[in-house]
Protein backbone atom coordinates (compact mmCIF):
# COMPACT_ATOMS: atom_id res chain seq x y z
CA MET A 1 -4.83 -5.28 6.71
CA VAL A 2 -3.62 -5.41 10.31
CA ARG A 3 -0.29 -5.71 12.07
CA ALA A 4 0.73 -8.40 14.53
CA ASP A 5 1.69 -7.00 17.92
CA ARG A 6 4.84 -8.11 19.76
CA SER A 7 2.97 -11.15 21.16
CA GLY A 8 1.63 -12.19 17.77
CA ARG A 9 -1.93 -11.02 18.42
CA LEU A 10 -4.12 -9.88 15.56
CA ASN A 11 -7.25 -7.92 16.21
CA ASP A 12 -9.88 -6.98 13.69
CA ARG A 13 -12.98 -7.04 15.86
CA ARG A 14 -15.34 -6.17 13.04
CA LEU A 15 -14.17 -9.08 10.86
CA LEU A 16 -14.12 -11.54 13.76
CA ARG A 17 -17.62 -10.45 14.85
CA THR A 18 -18.85 -10.87 11.27
CA LEU A 19 -17.63 -14.47 11.47
CA GLY A 20 -19.59 -14.80 14.72
CA TRP A 21 -16.39 -15.31 16.71
CA THR A 22 -16.45 -13.84 20.20
CA PRO A 23 -13.94 -14.07 23.08
CA GLY A 24 -13.54 -17.65 24.23
CA ARG A 25 -14.20 -19.15 20.77
CA HIS A 26 -12.11 -22.26 20.09
CA LEU A 27 -10.26 -22.25 16.78
CA SER A 28 -7.96 -24.45 14.75
CA LEU A 29 -4.96 -23.01 12.91
CA ASP A 30 -3.33 -24.72 9.93
CA VAL A 31 -0.51 -23.53 7.68
CA VAL A 32 -1.32 -24.17 4.03
CA HIS A 33 1.10 -22.98 1.32
CA GLY A 34 2.41 -20.21 3.57
CA LEU A 35 -1.05 -19.02 4.61
CA ILE A 36 -2.57 -19.45 8.05
CA VAL A 37 -6.07 -20.89 7.78
CA VAL A 38 -8.19 -20.36 10.89
CA LYS A 39 -11.47 -22.19 11.42
CA SER A 40 -13.96 -22.42 14.24
CA ALA A 41 -13.48 -25.77 15.96
CA PRO A 42 -15.21 -26.82 19.20
CA THR A 43 -12.11 -28.78 20.21
CA GLY A 44 -9.59 -26.34 18.72
CA SER A 45 -6.53 -25.64 20.82
CA HIS A 46 -6.49 -21.90 20.08
CA ILE A 47 -8.92 -19.50 21.75
CA LEU A 48 -9.85 -15.87 21.06
CA ASP A 49 -8.65 -13.96 24.11
CA ASP A 50 -10.79 -11.79 26.40
CA ARG A 51 -10.33 -8.82 24.06
CA GLY A 52 -11.36 -10.87 21.04
CA ALA A 53 -7.83 -10.99 19.61
CA LEU A 54 -6.41 -13.96 17.73
CA HIS A 55 -3.00 -15.08 18.99
CA LEU A 56 -0.72 -16.62 16.39
CA PRO A 57 1.86 -18.91 18.04
CA ALA A 58 5.51 -17.97 17.53
CA ALA A 59 6.26 -21.16 15.58
CA THR A 60 3.37 -20.48 13.20
CA ARG A 61 4.48 -16.86 12.71
CA ARG A 62 8.07 -17.95 11.98
CA LEU A 63 6.90 -20.61 9.53
CA CYS A 64 4.91 -17.97 7.61
CA GLY A 65 7.48 -15.16 7.89
CA ILE A 66 5.35 -12.94 10.14
CA SER A 67 7.47 -10.78 12.43
CA HIS A 68 6.57 -8.23 15.11
CA GLY A 69 4.69 -5.36 13.50
CA ALA A 70 4.52 -7.12 10.14
CA PRO A 71 1.45 -6.26 8.08
CA VAL A 72 -0.89 -9.15 7.27
CA VAL A 73 -4.03 -9.32 5.17
CA LEU A 74 -7.03 -11.00 6.71
CA THR A 75 -9.60 -12.46 4.35
CA ALA A 76 -12.65 -14.41 5.39
CA SER A 77 -15.24 -16.74 4.01
CA ILE A 78 -18.37 -16.05 6.00
CA ALA A 79 -20.13 -19.09 4.49
CA GLN A 80 -17.30 -21.41 5.55
CA LEU A 81 -16.54 -19.57 8.82
CA THR A 82 -12.89 -19.44 7.80
CA LEU A 83 -10.27 -16.74 8.20
CA VAL A 84 -7.08 -16.68 6.11
CA VAL A 85 -4.01 -14.78 7.29
CA HIS A 86 -1.61 -13.79 4.50
CA HIS A 87 1.81 -12.35 5.30
CA CYS A 88 2.71 -9.24 3.32
CA SER A 89 6.28 -8.99 2.19
CA GLY A 90 6.06 -5.66 0.41
CA GLY A 91 3.37 -6.81 -2.02
CA CYS A 92 0.26 -5.91 -0.05
CA ILE A 93 0.51 -2.16 -0.26
CA PRO A 94 -0.82 -0.82 -3.58
CA GLY A 95 2.02 0.22 -5.85
CA ASP A 96 4.60 -1.53 -3.66
CA GLY A 97 5.34 -4.69 -5.62
CA PRO A 98 3.35 -7.64 -6.95
CA GLN A 99 0.03 -8.29 -5.32
CA LEU A 100 -1.65 -11.57 -4.53
CA GLY A 101 -5.18 -11.55 -5.92
CA GLN A 102 -8.18 -12.69 -3.90
CA CYS A 103 -8.66 -15.76 -6.13
CA GLU A 104 -5.06 -16.82 -5.56
CA ILE A 105 -5.44 -16.33 -1.79
CA ARG A 106 -8.50 -18.60 -1.83
CA GLU A 107 -6.73 -21.16 -4.03
CA ARG A 108 -3.67 -21.19 -1.81
CA ALA A 109 -5.84 -21.62 1.28
CA ARG A 110 -7.56 -24.62 -0.35
CA GLY A 111 -4.28 -25.98 -1.68
CA ASP A 112 -5.37 -25.56 -5.32
CA VAL A 113 -2.47 -23.45 -6.58
CA GLY A 114 -0.93 -24.98 -9.66
CA GLN A 115 -3.76 -27.46 -10.04
CA PRO A 116 -5.68 -27.66 -13.31
CA ALA A 117 -8.94 -25.70 -13.26
């Protein structure tokens, strides 16, 4: 779990390095069911900054309900080189409301929620 700074930057160097993403990496960002799905894309319009931080555009943050200082959960699929940003609205801190399970996060990122198994 990390918090977005006032400019919408997220920085979890260890996770981003595990994905093989270094400063200057081009990325694509998509909003899927309220989650931000980030993928490595040679022609992506988003770039990891010089400090290796991911900047979430203001429109994307507003669409997903992420405000300054808001906690977000970052989950990654190393095999798919994909990062998923999930906004926490009181349910990401243990004992502080309902929690979204890892399977549901993956399903929401794929767009499978509510689909038959």
